[in-house]
């Protein structure tokens, strides 16, 4: 197994030279206080935006024919099933208001 290279601490002069070179690099300037304050963690940028009306997870039993039909329609079948139920609720709501 190869030996790990030995680490050594930078001398003050070396450290100053590296810092000076970094500060002279126009493409690598330190961030301003305003830029640092505006930064957002990557975790908060991932995924879908939070819904104002989040769906609720429930456990429901459907007959095999209903599930087979909606699954046969391909990806997104659960959303389509939700859409059919929403239309049913809207229709029923109109009938009960009369």
PDB file of N, CA and C in Angstrom:
ATOM      1  N   UNK A   1       0.846  -1.170   0.000  1.00  0.00           N
ATOM      2  CA  UNK A   1       0.000   0.000   0.000  1.00  0.00           C
ATOM      3  C   UNK A   1       0.895   1.239   0.000  1.00  0.00           C
ATOM      4  N   UNK A   2       0.597   2.189  -0.911  1.00  0.00           N
ATOM      5  CA  UNK A   2       1.455   3.376  -0.980  1.00  0.00           C
ATOM      6  C   UNK A   2       1.306   4.242   0.268  1.00  0.00           C
ATOM      7  N   UNK A   3       2.396   4.903   0.598  1.00  0.00           N
ATOM      8  CA  UNK A   3       2.383   5.778   1.771  1.00  0.00           C
ATOM      9  C   UNK A   3       1.625   7.061   1.471  1.00  0.00           C
ATOM     10  N   UNK A   4       0.926   7.543   2.481  1.00  0.00           N
ATOM     11  CA  UNK A   4       0.224   8.818   2.335  1.00  0.00           C
ATOM     12  C   UNK A   4       1.268   9.932   2.350  1.00  0.00           C
ATOM     13  N   UNK A   5       1.054  10.943   1.508  1.00  0.00           N
ATOM     14  CA  UNK A   5       2.011  12.055   1.540  1.00  0.00           C
ATOM     15  C   UNK A   5       1.907  12.785   2.881  1.00  0.00           C
ATOM     16  N   UNK A   6       3.040  13.217   3.352  1.00  0.00           N
ATOM     17  CA  UNK A   6       3.056  13.930   4.623  1.00  0.00           C
ATOM     18  C   UNK A   6       2.506  15.342   4.422  1.00  0.00           C
ATOM     19  N   UNK A   7       1.703  15.773   5.370  1.00  0.00           N
ATOM     20  CA  UNK A   7       1.157  17.122   5.328  1.00  0.00           C
ATOM     21  C   UNK A   7       2.118  18.070   6.022  1.00  0.00           C
ATOM     22  N   UNK A   8       2.135  19.270   5.510  1.00  0.00           N
ATOM     23  CA  UNK A   8       2.945  20.269   6.182  1.00  0.00           C
ATOM     24  C   UNK A   8       2.146  21.558   6.238  1.00  0.00           C
ATOM     25  N   UNK A   9       2.354  22.312   7.266  1.00  0.00           N
ATOM     26  CA  UNK A   9       1.682  23.598   7.436  1.00  0.00           C
ATOM     27  C   UNK A   9       2.361  24.632   6.547  1.00  0.00           C
ATOM     28  N   UNK A  10       1.551  25.540   6.036  1.00  0.00           N
ATOM     29  CA  UNK A  10       2.111  26.624   5.227  1.00  0.00           C
ATOM     30  C   UNK A  10       2.838  27.616   6.123  1.00  0.00           C
ATOM     31  N   UNK A  11       3.898  28.108   5.619  1.00  0.00           N
ATOM     32  CA  UNK A  11       4.596  29.175   6.335  1.00  0.00           C
ATOM     33  C   UNK A  11       3.818  30.464   6.113  1.00  0.00           C
ATOM     34  N   UNK A  12       4.041  31.435   6.973  1.00  0.00           N
ATOM     35  CA  UNK A  12       3.316  32.705   6.873  1.00  0.00           C
ATOM     36  C   UNK A  12       3.504  33.349   5.506  1.00  0.00           C
ATOM     37  N   UNK A  13       4.700  33.313   4.987  1.00  0.00           N
ATOM     38  CA  UNK A  13       4.978  33.942   3.690  1.00  0.00           C
ATOM     39  C   UNK A  13       4.199  33.231   2.579  1.00  0.00           C
ATOM     40  N   UNK A  14       4.174  31.896   2.618  1.00  0.00           N
ATOM     41  CA  UNK A  14       3.432  31.135   1.608  1.00  0.00           C
ATOM     42  C   UNK A  14       1.932  31.450   1.710  1.00  0.00           C
ATOM     43  N   UNK A  15       1.444  31.495   2.928  1.00  0.00           N
ATOM     44  CA  UNK A  15       0.031  31.770   3.147  1.00  0.00           C
ATOM     45  C   UNK A  15      -0.338  33.166   2.623  1.00  0.00           C
ATOM     46  N   UNK A  16       0.510  34.157   2.879  1.00  0.00           N
ATOM     47  CA  UNK A  16       0.264  35.515   2.392  1.00  0.00           C
ATOM     48  C   UNK A  16       0.291  35.560   0.865  1.00  0.00           C
ATOM     49  N   UNK A  17       1.215  34.820   0.249  1.00  0.00           N
ATOM     50  CA  UNK A  17       1.321  34.807  -1.215  1.00  0.00           C
ATOM     51  C   UNK A  17       0.059  34.193  -1.842  1.00  0.00           C
ATOM     52  N   UNK A  18      -0.427  33.113  -1.258  1.00  0.00           N
ATOM     53  CA  UNK A  18      -1.640  32.466  -1.774  1.00  0.00           C
ATOM     54  C   UNK A  18      -2.843  33.390  -1.601  1.00  0.00           C
ATOM     55  N   UNK A  19      -2.975  34.005  -0.442  1.00  0.00           N
ATOM     56  CA  UNK A  19      -4.088  34.930  -0.182  1.00  0.00           C
ATOM     57  C   UNK A  19      -4.040  36.115  -1.129  1.00  0.00           C
ATOM     58  N   UNK A  20      -2.856  36.655  -1.349  1.00  0.00           N
ATOM     59  CA  UNK A  20      -2.694  37.790  -2.254  1.00  0.00           C
ATOM     60  C   UNK A  20      -3.087  37.406  -3.685  1.00  0.00           C
ATOM     61  N   UNK A  21      -2.647  36.243  -4.132  1.00  0.00           N
ATOM     62  CA  UNK A  21      -2.984  35.781  -5.485  1.00  0.00           C
ATOM     63  C   UNK A  21      -4.493  35.580  -5.625  1.00  0.00           C
ATOM     64  N   UNK A  22      -5.127  35.055  -4.602  1.00  0.00           N
ATOM     65  CA  UNK A  22      -6.573  34.841  -4.650  1.00  0.00           C
ATOM     66  C   UNK A  22      -7.315  36.172  -4.716  1.00  0.00           C
ATOM     67  N   UNK A  23      -6.861  37.165  -3.954  1.00  0.00           N
ATOM     68  CA  UNK A  23      -7.516  38.475  -3.950  1.00  0.00           C
ATOM     69  C   UNK A  23      -7.333  39.201  -5.275  1.00  0.00           C
ATOM     70  N   UNK A  24      -6.226  38.937  -5.982  1.00  0.00           N
ATOM     71  CA  UNK A  24      -5.972  39.571  -7.279  1.00  0.00           C
ATOM     72  C   UNK A  24      -6.771  38.929  -8.410  1.00  0.00           C
ATOM     73  N   UNK A  25      -7.314  37.763  -8.180  1.00  0.00           N
ATOM     74  CA  UNK A  25      -8.088  37.049  -9.211  1.00  0.00           C
ATOM     75  C   UNK A  25      -9.473  37.677  -9.317  1.00  0.00           C
ATOM     76  N   UNK A  26      -9.761  38.336 -10.468  1.00  0.00           N
ATOM     77  CA  UNK A  26     -11.057  39.010 -10.643  1.00  0.00           C
ATOM     78  C   UNK A  26     -12.227  38.032 -10.602  1.00  0.00           C
ATOM     79  N   UNK A  27     -11.996  36.793 -10.986  1.00  0.00           N
ATOM     80  CA  UNK A  27     -13.081  35.799 -11.028  1.00  0.00           C
ATOM     81  C   UNK A  27     -13.329  35.136  -9.682  1.00  0.00           C
ATOM     82  N   UNK A  28     -12.519  35.452  -8.699  1.00  0.00           N
ATOM     83  CA  UNK A  28     -12.656  34.785  -7.400  1.00  0.00           C
ATOM     84  C   UNK A  28     -12.687  35.788  -6.259  1.00  0.00           C
ATOM     85  N   UNK A  29     -13.484  36.824  -6.419  1.00  0.00           N
ATOM     86  CA  UNK A  29     -13.569  37.844  -5.377  1.00  0.00           C
ATOM     87  C   UNK A  29     -14.471  37.349  -4.236  1.00  0.00           C
ATOM     88  N   UNK A  30     -14.180  37.777  -3.021  1.00  0.00           N
ATOM     89  CA  UNK A  30     -15.020  37.376  -1.889  1.00  0.00           C
ATOM     90  C   UNK A  30     -16.436  37.917  -2.060  1.00  0.00           C
ATOM     91  N   UNK A  31     -17.401  37.187  -1.522  1.00  0.00           N
ATOM     92  CA  UNK A  31     -18.785  37.621  -1.601  1.00  0.00           C
ATOM     93  C   UNK A  31     -19.027  38.781  -0.650  1.00  0.00           C
ATOM     94  N   UNK A  32     -19.902  39.674  -1.070  1.00  0.00           N
ATOM     95  CA  UNK A  32     -20.248  40.812  -0.206  1.00  0.00           C
ATOM     96  C   UNK A  32     -21.213  40.330   0.876  1.00  0.00           C
ATOM     97  N   UNK A  33     -21.409  41.159   1.881  1.00  0.00           N
ATOM     98  CA  UNK A  33     -22.349  40.814   2.955  1.00  0.00           C
ATOM     99  C   UNK A  33     -23.756  40.633   2.391  1.00  0.00           C
ATOM    100  N   UNK A  34     -24.116  41.464   1.405  1.00  0.00           N
ATOM    101  CA  UNK A  34     -25.446  41.366   0.783  1.00  0.00           C
ATOM    102  C   UNK A  34     -25.594  40.031   0.045  1.00  0.00           C
ATOM    103  N   UNK A  35     -24.541  39.630  -0.684  1.00  0.00           N
ATOM    104  CA  UNK A  35     -24.575  38.355  -1.399  1.00  0.00           C
ATOM    105  C   UNK A  35     -24.662  37.188  -0.433  1.00  0.00           C
ATOM    106  N   UNK A  36     -23.904  37.236   0.645  1.00  0.00           N
ATOM    107  CA  UNK A  36     -23.948  36.154   1.633  1.00  0.00           C
ATOM    108  C   UNK A  36     -25.324  36.043   2.279  1.00  0.00           C
ATOM    109  N   UNK A  37     -25.953  37.183   2.557  1.00  0.00           N
ATOM    110  CA  UNK A  37     -27.271  37.178   3.183  1.00  0.00           C
ATOM    111  C   UNK A  37     -28.331  36.606   2.244  1.00  0.00           C
ATOM    112  N   UNK A  38     -28.166  36.820   0.930  1.00  0.00           N
ATOM    113  CA  UNK A  38     -29.135  36.354  -0.056  1.00  0.00           C
ATOM    114  C   UNK A  38     -29.010  34.865  -0.369  1.00  0.00           C
ATOM    115  N   UNK A  39     -27.959  34.210   0.108  1.00  0.00           N
ATOM    116  CA  UNK A  39     -27.752  32.796  -0.205  1.00  0.00           C
ATOM    117  C   UNK A  39     -28.796  31.926   0.486  1.00  0.00           C
ATOM    118  N   UNK A  40     -29.206  30.865  -0.228  1.00  0.00           N
ATOM    119  CA  UNK A  40     -30.229  29.944   0.267  1.00  0.00           C
ATOM    120  C   UNK A  40     -29.647  28.539   0.223  1.00  0.00           C
ATOM    121  N   UNK A  41     -29.860  27.727   1.255  1.00  0.00           N
ATOM    122  CA  UNK A  41     -29.353  26.348   1.219  1.00  0.00           C
ATOM    123  C   UNK A  41     -29.962  25.570   0.054  1.00  0.00           C
ATOM    124  N   UNK A  42     -29.183  24.720  -0.589  1.00  0.00           N
ATOM    125  CA  UNK A  42     -29.661  23.920  -1.721  1.00  0.00           C
ATOM    126  C   UNK A  42     -30.869  23.067  -1.360  1.00  0.00           C
ATOM    127  N   UNK A  43     -30.935  22.603  -0.112  1.00  0.00           N
ATOM    128  CA  UNK A  43     -32.062  21.761   0.294  1.00  0.00           C
ATOM    129  C   UNK A  43     -33.390  22.451   0.051  1.00  0.00           C
ATOM    130  N   UNK A  44     -33.430  23.759   0.272  1.00  0.00           N
ATOM    131  CA  UNK A  44     -34.696  24.477   0.136  1.00  0.00           C
ATOM    132  C   UNK A  44     -35.068  24.706  -1.333  1.00  0.00           C
ATOM    133  N   UNK A  45     -34.139  24.512  -2.258  1.00  0.00           N
ATOM    134  CA  UNK A  45     -34.425  24.700  -3.676  1.00  0.00           C
ATOM    135  C   UNK A  45     -34.832  23.413  -4.365  1.00  0.00           C
ATOM    136  N   UNK A  46     -34.633  22.295  -3.712  1.00  0.00           N
ATOM    137  CA  UNK A  46     -34.925  21.011  -4.339  1.00  0.00           C
ATOM    138  C   UNK A  46     -36.406  20.681  -4.280  1.00  0.00           C
ATOM    139  N   UNK A  47     -36.822  19.876  -5.238  1.00  0.00           N
ATOM    140  CA  UNK A  47     -38.176  19.343  -5.214  1.00  0.00           C
ATOM    141  C   UNK A  47     -39.235  20.328  -5.681  1.00  0.00           C
ATOM    142  N   UNK A  48     -40.429  19.875  -5.581  1.00  0.00           N
ATOM    143  CA  UNK A  48     -41.592  20.625  -6.023  1.00  0.00           C
ATOM    144  C   UNK A  48     -41.963  21.673  -4.981  1.00  0.00           C
ATOM    145  N   UNK A  49     -42.449  22.838  -5.426  1.00  0.00           N
ATOM    146  CA  UNK A  49     -42.862  23.851  -4.445  1.00  0.00           C
ATOM    147  C   UNK A  49     -44.004  23.318  -3.567  1.00  0.00           C
ATOM    148  N   UNK A  50     -44.063  23.779  -2.337  1.00  0.00           N
ATOM    149  CA  UNK A  50     -45.107  23.344  -1.420  1.00  0.00           C
ATOM    150  C   UNK A  50     -46.455  23.860  -1.905  1.00  0.00           C
ATOM    151  N   UNK A  51     -47.458  22.991  -1.885  1.00  0.00           N
ATOM    152  CA  UNK A  51     -48.799  23.340  -2.325  1.00  0.00           C
ATOM    153  C   UNK A  51     -49.557  24.071  -1.223  1.00  0.00           C
ATOM    154  N   UNK A  52     -50.423  24.991  -1.639  1.00  0.00           N
ATOM    155  CA  UNK A  52     -51.281  25.662  -0.664  1.00  0.00           C
ATOM    156  C   UNK A  52     -52.327  24.696  -0.125  1.00  0.00           C
ATOM    157  N   UNK A  53     -52.668  23.704  -0.954  1.00  0.00           N
ATOM    158  CA  UNK A  53     -53.673  22.708  -0.577  1.00  0.00           C
ATOM    159  C   UNK A  53     -53.061  21.307  -0.740  1.00  0.00           C
ATOM    160  N   UNK A  54     -52.215  20.906   0.202  1.00  0.00           N
ATOM    161  CA  UNK A  54     -51.550  19.604   0.046  1.00  0.00           C
ATOM    162  C   UNK A  54     -52.544  18.447   0.110  1.00  0.00           C
ATOM    163  N   UNK A  55     -52.226  17.419  -0.647  1.00  0.00           N
ATOM    164  CA  UNK A  55     -53.076  16.227  -0.636  1.00  0.00           C
ATOM    165  C   UNK A  55     -52.802  15.432   0.634  1.00  0.00           C
ATOM    166  N   UNK A  56     -53.785  14.689   1.034  1.00  0.00           N
ATOM    167  CA  UNK A  56     -53.683  13.923   2.266  1.00  0.00           C
ATOM    168  C   UNK A  56     -53.534  12.443   1.924  1.00  0.00           C
ATOM    169  N   UNK A  57     -52.611  11.781   2.585  1.00  0.00           N
ATOM    170  CA  UNK A  57     -52.387  10.364   2.383  1.00  0.00           C
ATOM    171  C   UNK A  57     -53.442   9.574   3.147  1.00  0.00           C
ATOM    172  N   UNK A  58     -54.155   8.688   2.435  1.00  0.00           N
ATOM    173  CA  UNK A  58     -55.155   7.834   3.069  1.00  0.00           C
ATOM    174  C   UNK A  58     -54.999   6.418   2.535  1.00  0.00           C
ATOM    175  N   UNK A  59     -55.583   5.498   3.229  1.00  0.00           N
ATOM    176  CA  UNK A  59     -55.599   4.108   2.780  1.00  0.00           C
ATOM    177  C   UNK A  59     -57.034   3.766   2.391  1.00  0.00           C
ATOM    178  N   UNK A  60     -57.224   3.380   1.122  1.00  0.00           N
ATOM    179  CA  UNK A  60     -58.560   3.088   0.599  1.00  0.00           C
ATOM    180  C   UNK A  60     -58.503   1.754  -0.134  1.00  0.00           C
ATOM    181  N   UNK A  61     -59.574   1.025  -0.076  1.00  0.00           N
ATOM    182  CA  UNK A  61     -59.655  -0.235  -0.823  1.00  0.00           C
ATOM    183  C   UNK A  61     -60.601  -0.067  -2.002  1.00  0.00           C
ATOM    184  N   UNK A  62     -60.114  -0.394  -3.216  1.00  0.00           N
ATOM    185  CA  UNK A  62     -60.921  -0.335  -4.429  1.00  0.00           C
ATOM    186  C   UNK A  62     -61.017  -1.736  -5.009  1.00  0.00           C
ATOM    187  N   UNK A  63     -62.077  -1.981  -5.765  1.00  0.00           N
ATOM    188  CA  UNK A  63     -62.197  -3.302  -6.397  1.00  0.00           C
ATOM    189  C   UNK A  63     -61.119  -3.431  -7.476  1.00  0.00           C
ATOM    190  N   UNK A  64     -60.788  -4.662  -7.814  1.00  0.00           N
ATOM    191  CA  UNK A  64     -59.703  -4.928  -8.761  1.00  0.00           C
ATOM    192  C   UNK A  64     -59.976  -4.340 -10.137  1.00  0.00           C
ATOM    193  N   UNK A  65     -61.246  -4.335 -10.563  1.00  0.00           N
ATOM    194  CA  UNK A  65     -61.580  -3.805 -11.884  1.00  0.00           C
ATOM    195  C   UNK A  65     -61.274  -2.307 -11.980  1.00  0.00           C
ATOM    196  N   UNK A  66     -61.613  -1.559 -10.937  1.00  0.00           N
ATOM    197  CA  UNK A  66     -61.361  -0.121 -10.931  1.00  0.00           C
ATOM    198  C   UNK A  66     -59.855   0.133 -10.986  1.00  0.00           C
ATOM    199  N   UNK A  67     -59.098  -0.554 -10.154  1.00  0.00           N
ATOM    200  CA  UNK A  67     -57.644  -0.370 -10.147  1.00  0.00           C
ATOM    201  C   UNK A  67     -57.026  -0.787 -11.472  1.00  0.00           C
ATOM    202  N   UNK A  68     -57.469  -1.913 -12.013  1.00  0.00           N
ATOM    203  CA  UNK A  68     -56.907  -2.389 -13.284  1.00  0.00           C
ATOM    204  C   UNK A  68     -57.153  -1.366 -14.391  1.00  0.00           C
ATOM    205  N   UNK A  69     -58.367  -0.781 -14.414  1.00  0.00           N
ATOM    206  CA  UNK A  69     -58.663   0.210 -15.444  1.00  0.00           C
ATOM    207  C   UNK A  69     -57.736   1.412 -15.331  1.00  0.00           C
ATOM    208  N   UNK A  70     -57.677   2.025 -14.159  1.00  0.00           N
ATOM    209  CA  UNK A  70     -56.868   3.241 -14.017  1.00  0.00           C
ATOM    210  C   UNK A  70     -55.383   2.953 -14.218  1.00  0.00           C
ATOM    211  N   UNK A  71     -54.904   1.817 -13.744  1.00  0.00           N
ATOM    212  CA  UNK A  71     -53.488   1.480 -13.955  1.00  0.00           C
ATOM    213  C   UNK A  71     -53.183   1.277 -15.427  1.00  0.00           C
ATOM    214  N   UNK A  72     -54.159   0.760 -16.173  1.00  0.00           N
ATOM    215  CA  UNK A  72     -53.942   0.513 -17.601  1.00  0.00           C
ATOM    216  C   UNK A  72     -53.824   1.811 -18.395  1.00  0.00           C
ATOM    217  N   UNK A  73     -54.220   2.923 -17.807  1.00  0.00           N
ATOM    218  CA  UNK A  73     -54.125   4.207 -18.511  1.00  0.00           C
ATOM    219  C   UNK A  73     -52.717   4.793 -18.444  1.00  0.00           C
ATOM    220  N   UNK A  74     -51.807   4.140 -17.717  1.00  0.00           N
ATOM    221  CA  UNK A  74     -50.414   4.562 -17.697  1.00  0.00           C
ATOM    222  C   UNK A  74     -50.069   5.431 -16.504  1.00  0.00           C
ATOM    223  N   UNK A  75     -48.856   5.991 -16.574  1.00  0.00           N
ATOM    224  CA  UNK A  75     -48.359   6.822 -15.480  1.00  0.00           C
ATOM    225  C   UNK A  75     -49.298   7.986 -15.181  1.00  0.00           C
ATOM    226  N   UNK A  76     -49.404   8.323 -13.918  1.00  0.00           N
ATOM    227  CA  UNK A  76     -50.301   9.397 -13.498  1.00  0.00           C
ATOM    228  C   UNK A  76     -51.715   8.916 -13.253  1.00  0.00           C
ATOM    229  N   UNK A  77     -51.894   7.596 -13.185  1.00  0.00           N
ATOM    230  CA  UNK A  77     -53.246   7.054 -13.023  1.00  0.00           C
ATOM    231  C   UNK A  77     -53.890   7.498 -11.717  1.00  0.00           C
ATOM    232  N   UNK A  78     -53.104   7.696 -10.684  1.00  0.00           N
ATOM    233  CA  UNK A  78     -53.681   8.121  -9.405  1.00  0.00           C
ATOM    234  C   UNK A  78     -54.219   9.552  -9.505  1.00  0.00           C
ATOM    235  N   UNK A  79     -53.513  10.401 -10.232  1.00  0.00           N
ATOM    236  CA  UNK A  79     -53.993  11.769 -10.429  1.00  0.00           C
ATOM    237  C   UNK A  79     -55.268  11.772 -11.259  1.00  0.00           C
ATOM    238  N   UNK A  80     -55.331  10.919 -12.278  1.00  0.00           N
ATOM    239  CA  UNK A  80     -56.553  10.827 -13.081  1.00  0.00           C
ATOM    240  C   UNK A  80     -57.714  10.331 -12.228  1.00  0.00           C
ATOM    241  N   UNK A  81     -57.450   9.375 -11.368  1.00  0.00           N
ATOM    242  CA  UNK A  81     -58.479   8.858 -10.472  1.00  0.00           C
ATOM    243  C   UNK A  81     -58.968   9.982  -9.555  1.00  0.00           C
ATOM    244  N   UNK A  82     -58.050  10.782  -9.054  1.00  0.00           N
ATOM    245  CA  UNK A  82     -58.399  11.927  -8.212  1.00  0.00           C
ATOM    246  C   UNK A  82     -59.268  12.906  -9.001  1.00  0.00           C
ATOM    247  N   UNK A  83     -58.937  13.132 -10.269  1.00  0.00           N
ATOM    248  CA  UNK A  83     -59.720  14.035 -11.108  1.00  0.00           C
ATOM    249  C   UNK A  83     -61.150  13.558 -11.300  1.00  0.00           C
ATOM    250  N   UNK A  84     -61.307  12.256 -11.515  1.00  0.00           N
ATOM    251  CA  UNK A  84     -62.655  11.689 -11.675  1.00  0.00           C
ATOM    252  C   UNK A  84     -63.460  11.888 -10.397  1.00  0.00           C
ATOM    253  N   UNK A  85     -62.834  11.659  -9.260  1.00  0.00           N
ATOM    254  CA  UNK A  85     -63.527  11.839  -7.977  1.00  0.00           C
ATOM    255  C   UNK A  85     -63.875  13.311  -7.745  1.00  0.00           C
ATOM    256  N   UNK A  86     -62.986  14.221  -8.120  1.00  0.00           N
ATOM    257  CA  UNK A  86     -63.272  15.652  -7.985  1.00  0.00           C
ATOM    258  C   UNK A  86     -64.481  16.060  -8.830  1.00  0.00           C
ATOM    259  N   UNK A  87     -64.550  15.552 -10.067  1.00  0.00           N
ATOM    260  CA  UNK A  87     -65.704  15.859 -10.929  1.00  0.00           C
ATOM    261  C   UNK A  87     -66.989  15.325 -10.305  1.00  0.00           C
ATOM    262  N   UNK A  88     -66.914  14.141  -9.739  1.00  0.00           N
ATOM    263  CA  UNK A  88     -68.082  13.548  -9.083  1.00  0.00           C
ATOM    264  C   UNK A  88     -68.541  14.429  -7.921  1.00  0.00           C
ATOM    265  N   UNK A  89     -67.598  14.869  -7.107  1.00  0.00           N
ATOM    266  CA  UNK A  89     -67.932  15.726  -5.957  1.00  0.00           C
ATOM    267  C   UNK A  89     -68.559  17.035  -6.441  1.00  0.00           C
ATOM    268  N   UNK A  90     -67.997  17.640  -7.493  1.00  0.00           N
ATOM    269  CA  UNK A  90     -68.533  18.892  -8.025  1.00  0.00           C
ATOM    270  C   UNK A  90     -69.953  18.701  -8.535  1.00  0.00           C
ATOM    271  N   UNK A  91     -70.183  17.610  -9.253  1.00  0.00           N
ATOM    272  CA  UNK A  91     -71.528  17.316  -9.779  1.00  0.00           C
ATOM    273  C   UNK A  91     -72.520  17.118  -8.641  1.00  0.00           C
ATOM    274  N   UNK A  92     -72.122  16.359  -7.641  1.00  0.00           N
ATOM    275  CA  UNK A  92     -73.006  16.083  -6.498  1.00  0.00           C
ATOM    276  C   UNK A  92     -73.275  17.358  -5.701  1.00  0.00           C
ATOM    277  N   UNK A  93     -72.275  18.221  -5.584  1.00  0.00           N
ATOM    278  CA  UNK A  93     -72.445  19.455  -4.838  1.00  0.00           C
ATOM    279  C   UNK A  93     -73.466  20.365  -5.504  1.00  0.00           C
ATOM    280  N   UNK A  94     -73.459  20.426  -6.823  1.00  0.00           N
ATOM    281  CA  UNK A  94     -74.435  21.256  -7.570  1.00  0.00           C
ATOM    282  C   UNK A  94     -75.842  20.728  -7.381  1.00  0.00           C
ATOM    283  N   UNK A  95     -76.004  19.381  -7.378  1.00  0.00           N
ATOM    284  CA  UNK A  95     -77.337  18.778  -7.252  1.00  0.00           C
ATOM    285  C   UNK A  95     -77.908  18.992  -5.872  1.00  0.00           C
ATOM    286  N   UNK A  96     -77.085  18.980  -4.843  1.00  0.00           N
ATOM    287  CA  UNK A  96     -77.593  19.108  -3.476  1.00  0.00           C
ATOM    288  C   UNK A  96     -77.927  20.561  -3.140  1.00  0.00           C
ATOM    289  N   UNK A  97     -77.398  21.529  -3.885  1.00  0.00           N
ATOM    290  CA  UNK A  97     -77.660  22.944  -3.601  1.00  0.00           C
ATOM    291  C   UNK A  97     -79.032  23.388  -4.097  1.00  0.00           C
ATOM    292  N   UNK A  98     -79.572  22.683  -5.049  1.00  0.00           N
ATOM    293  CA  UNK A  98     -80.854  23.095  -5.637  1.00  0.00           C
ATOM    294  C   UNK A  98     -82.001  22.920  -4.702  1.00  0.00           C
TER     295      UNK A  98
END
